[in-house]
C-alpha atoms as a PDB file:
ATOM      1  CA  MET A   1       0.000   0.000   0.000  1.00  0.00           C
ATOM      2  CA  ASP A   2       2.807   2.436   0.730  1.00  0.00           C
ATOM      3  CA  LYS A   3       4.079   2.008  -2.813  1.00  0.00           C
ATOM      4  CA  ASN A   4       0.769   3.193  -4.291  1.00  0.00           C
ATOM      5  CA  LYS A   5       0.580   6.021  -1.815  1.00  0.00           C
ATOM      6  CA  SER A   6       4.027   7.335  -2.762  1.00  0.00           C
ATOM      7  CA  SER A   7       3.298   7.143  -6.505  1.00  0.00           C
ATOM      8  CA  ASP A   8       0.069   9.120  -5.969  1.00  0.00           C
ATOM      9  CA  ALA A   9       2.051  11.754  -4.099  1.00  0.00           C
ATOM     10  CA  LEU A  10       4.464  12.042  -7.022  1.00  0.00           C
ATOM     11  CA  ASP A  11       1.570  12.542  -9.426  1.00  0.00           C
ATOM     12  CA  GLU A  12       0.308  15.483  -7.361  1.00  0.00           C
ATOM     13  CA  ILE A  13       3.590  17.395  -7.429  1.00  0.00           C
ATOM     14  CA  PRO A  14       3.258  20.221  -9.952  1.00  0.00           C
ATOM     15  CA  THR A  15       5.945  20.398 -12.605  1.00  0.00           C
ATOM     16  CA  PHE A  16       6.958  23.559 -14.406  1.00  0.00           C
ATOM     17  CA  ASN A  17       8.981  24.266 -17.498  1.00  0.00           C
ATOM     18  CA  VAL A  18      11.507  26.906 -16.492  1.00  0.00           C
ATOM     19  CA  ASP A  19      11.745  28.355 -20.007  1.00  0.00           C
ATOM     20  CA  ASN A  20       7.979  28.880 -20.146  1.00  0.00           C
ATOM     21  CA  ILE A  21       7.897  30.549 -16.724  1.00  0.00           C
ATOM     22  CA  GLN A  22      10.756  32.850 -17.733  1.00  0.00           C
ATOM     23  CA  ASN A  23       8.969  33.739 -20.963  1.00  0.00           C
ATOM     24  CA  ASN A  24       5.705  34.414 -19.106  1.00  0.00           C
ATOM     25  CA  THR A  25       7.541  36.579 -16.554  1.00  0.00           C
ATOM     26  CA  ARG A  26       9.196  38.508 -19.391  1.00  0.00           C
ATOM     27  CA  ILE A  27       5.775  39.113 -20.948  1.00  0.00           C
ATOM     28  CA  ILE A  28       4.485  40.424 -17.612  1.00  0.00           C
ATOM     29  CA  ASN A  29       7.408  42.846 -17.374  1.00  0.00           C
ATOM     30  CA  TYR A  30       6.851  44.065 -20.947  1.00  0.00           C
ATOM     31  CA  SER A  31       3.135  44.512 -20.280  1.00  0.00           C
ATOM     32  CA  ARG A  32       3.756  46.463 -17.074  1.00  0.00           C
ATOM     33  CA  THR A  33       6.354  48.682 -18.742  1.00  0.00           C
ATOM     34  CA  PHE A  34       4.007  49.394 -21.655  1.00  0.00           C
ATOM     35  CA  MET A  35       1.106  50.169 -19.317  1.00  0.00           C
ATOM     36  CA  SER A  36       3.392  52.384 -17.206  1.00  0.00           C
ATOM     37  CA  ILE A  37       4.270  54.433 -20.283  1.00  0.00           C
ATOM     38  CA  ILE A  38       0.633  54.683 -21.413  1.00  0.00           C
ATOM     39  CA  GLY A  39      -0.498  55.516 -17.865  1.00  0.00           C
ATOM     40  CA  GLY A  40       2.193  58.204 -17.555  1.00  0.00           C
ATOM     41  CA  VAL A  41       1.131  59.849 -20.803  1.00  0.00           C
ATOM     42  CA  ILE A  42      -2.532  59.780 -19.768  1.00  0.00           C
ATOM     43  CA  ALA A  43      -1.728  61.210 -16.321  1.00  0.00           C
ATOM     44  CA  GLY A  44       0.317  63.982 -17.927  1.00  0.00           C
ATOM     45  CA  ILE A  45      -2.366  64.868 -20.464  1.00  0.00           C
ATOM     46  CA  LEU A  46      -5.051  64.923 -17.761  1.00  0.00           C
ATOM     47  CA  GLY A  47      -2.897  67.250 -15.664  1.00  0.00           C
ATOM     48  CA  ILE A  48      -2.688  64.939 -12.656  1.00  0.00           C
ATOM     49  CA  ASN A  49      -0.011  66.048 -10.224  1.00  0.00           C
ATOM     50  CA  GLY A  50       1.259  65.263  -6.741  1.00  0.00           C
ATOM     51  CA  LEU A  51       0.350  62.125  -4.855  1.00  0.00           C
ATOM     52  CA  THR A  52      -2.725  61.715  -7.027  1.00  0.00           C
ATOM     53  CA  GLY A  53      -0.373  60.664  -9.835  1.00  0.00           C
ATOM     54  CA  ILE A  54       1.198  57.949  -7.708  1.00  0.00           C
ATOM     55  CA  VAL A  55      -2.270  56.693  -6.771  1.00  0.00           C
ATOM     56  CA  PHE A  56      -3.136  56.750 -10.485  1.00  0.00           C
ATOM     57  CA  TYR A  57      -0.041  54.640 -11.197  1.00  0.00           C
ATOM     58  CA  PHE A  58      -1.059  51.972  -8.699  1.00  0.00           C
ATOM     59  CA  LEU A  59      -4.583  52.026 -10.127  1.00  0.00           C
ATOM     60  CA  VAL A  60      -3.145  51.394 -13.601  1.00  0.00           C
ATOM     61  CA  MET A  61      -1.037  48.546 -12.195  1.00  0.00           C
ATOM     62  CA  ALA A  62      -4.114  47.036 -10.496  1.00  0.00           C
ATOM     63  CA  ILE A  63      -5.982  47.153 -13.806  1.00  0.00           C
ATOM     64  CA  THR A  64      -2.970  45.577 -15.527  1.00  0.00           C
ATOM     65  CA  THR A  65      -2.874  42.798 -12.928  1.00  0.00           C
ATOM     66  CA  ALA A  66      -6.587  42.136 -13.428  1.00  0.00           C
ATOM     67  CA  GLY A  67      -6.070  42.043 -17.194  1.00  0.00           C
ATOM     68  CA  LEU A  68      -3.170  39.617 -16.918  1.00  0.00           C
ATOM     69  CA  ALA A  69      -5.174  37.380 -14.572  1.00  0.00           C
ATOM     70  CA  ALA A  70      -8.100  37.478 -17.000  1.00  0.00           C
ATOM     71  CA  LYS A  71      -5.738  36.580 -19.850  1.00  0.00           C
ATOM     72  CA  THR A  72      -4.773  33.418 -17.935  1.00  0.00           C
ATOM     73  CA  GLU A  73      -8.498  32.815 -17.348  1.00  0.00           C
ATOM     74  CA  PHE A  74      -7.735  33.141 -13.607  1.00  0.00           C
ATOM     75  CA  SER A  75      -5.809  29.861 -13.785  1.00  0.00           C
ATOM     76  CA  VAL A  76      -2.524  31.460 -12.785  1.00  0.00           C
ATOM     77  CA  HIS A  77      -0.976  28.227 -11.524  1.00  0.00           C
ATOM     78  CA  SER A  78      -1.037  26.857 -15.068  1.00  0.00           C
ATOM     79  CA  TYR A  79       1.380  29.588 -16.178  1.00  0.00           C
ATOM     80  CA  PHE A  80       3.263  30.631 -13.020  1.00  0.00           C
ATOM     81  CA  ASP A  81       4.421  29.029  -9.809  1.00  0.00           C
ATOM     82  CA  SER A  82       2.461  31.455  -7.597  1.00  0.00           C
ATOM     83  CA  TRP A  83       0.079  34.416  -7.624  1.00  0.00           C
ATOM     84  CA  ASN A  84       2.960  36.644  -6.493  1.00  0.00           C
ATOM     85  CA  ARG A  85       4.423  36.519  -9.998  1.00  0.00           C
ATOM     86  CA  ILE A  86       1.362  38.057 -11.577  1.00  0.00           C
ATOM     87  CA  VAL A  87       0.480  40.435  -8.734  1.00  0.00           C
ATOM     88  CA  PHE A  88       3.828  41.892  -7.643  1.00  0.00           C
ATOM     89  CA  ASP A  89       6.480  41.275 -10.325  1.00  0.00           C
ATOM     90  CA  GLY A  90       7.495  44.432 -12.131  1.00  0.00           C
ATOM     91  CA  ILE A  91       5.250  46.886 -10.296  1.00  0.00           C
ATOM     92  CA  LEU A  92       8.050  49.104  -9.006  1.00  0.00           C
ATOM     93  CA  GLY A  93      10.149  48.562 -12.140  1.00  0.00           C
ATOM     94  CA  GLY A  94       7.665  50.514 -14.225  1.00  0.00           C
ATOM     95  CA  LEU A  95       7.462  53.411 -11.785  1.00  0.00           C
ATOM     96  CA  MET A  96      10.425  55.245 -13.321  1.00  0.00           C
ATOM     97  CA  SER A  97       8.972  54.910 -16.819  1.00  0.00           C
ATOM     98  CA  PHE A  98       5.650  56.200 -15.518  1.00  0.00           C
ATOM     99  CA  VAL A  99       7.249  59.251 -13.900  1.00  0.00           C
ATOM    100  CA  LEU A 100       9.349  59.978 -16.998  1.00  0.00           C
ATOM    101  CA  PHE A 101       6.397  59.941 -19.400  1.00  0.00           C
ATOM    102  CA  TRP A 102       4.098  61.608 -16.871  1.00  0.00           C
ATOM    103  CA  THR A 103       6.371  64.629 -16.542  1.00  0.00           C
ATOM    104  CA  PHE A 104       7.102  64.696 -20.270  1.00  0.00           C
ATOM    105  CA  ALA A 105       3.423  64.675 -21.258  1.00  0.00           C
ATOM    106  CA  TYR A 106       2.526  67.166 -18.524  1.00  0.00           C
ATOM    107  CA  ASP A 107       5.234  69.560 -19.707  1.00  0.00           C
ATOM    108  CA  MET A 108       4.246  69.227 -23.357  1.00  0.00           C
ATOM    109  CA  VAL A 109       0.550  69.839 -22.740  1.00  0.00           C
ATOM    110  CA  HIS A 110       0.385  72.211 -19.771  1.00  0.00           C
ATOM    111  CA  ILE A 111       3.666  74.164 -19.818  1.00  0.00           C
ATOM    112  CA  PHE A 112       4.712  74.555 -23.445  1.00  0.00           C
END
């Protein structure tokens, strides 16, 4: 009986292809960077300034996370090893791009 029990336990262990997880993580980072740039341009055009812009950034990242989860049909464990990959990876990495395009668009529309 122990032999069957151990083989069942081996069948339940999830296996992942490292190349696929790396590719999926790369796609998440590209998506977050793209959405950071788009969000920064929109925030600049709308004239958002101060802490409201930072809140806007995290709102854009929350929408991006929801979109990525919807793209996986909310079956994140089929594509990643944990929810943390889709929720937290790359959020702060896109902040600098957001600020750059936010200030650029704000200056172009409201100052010049």
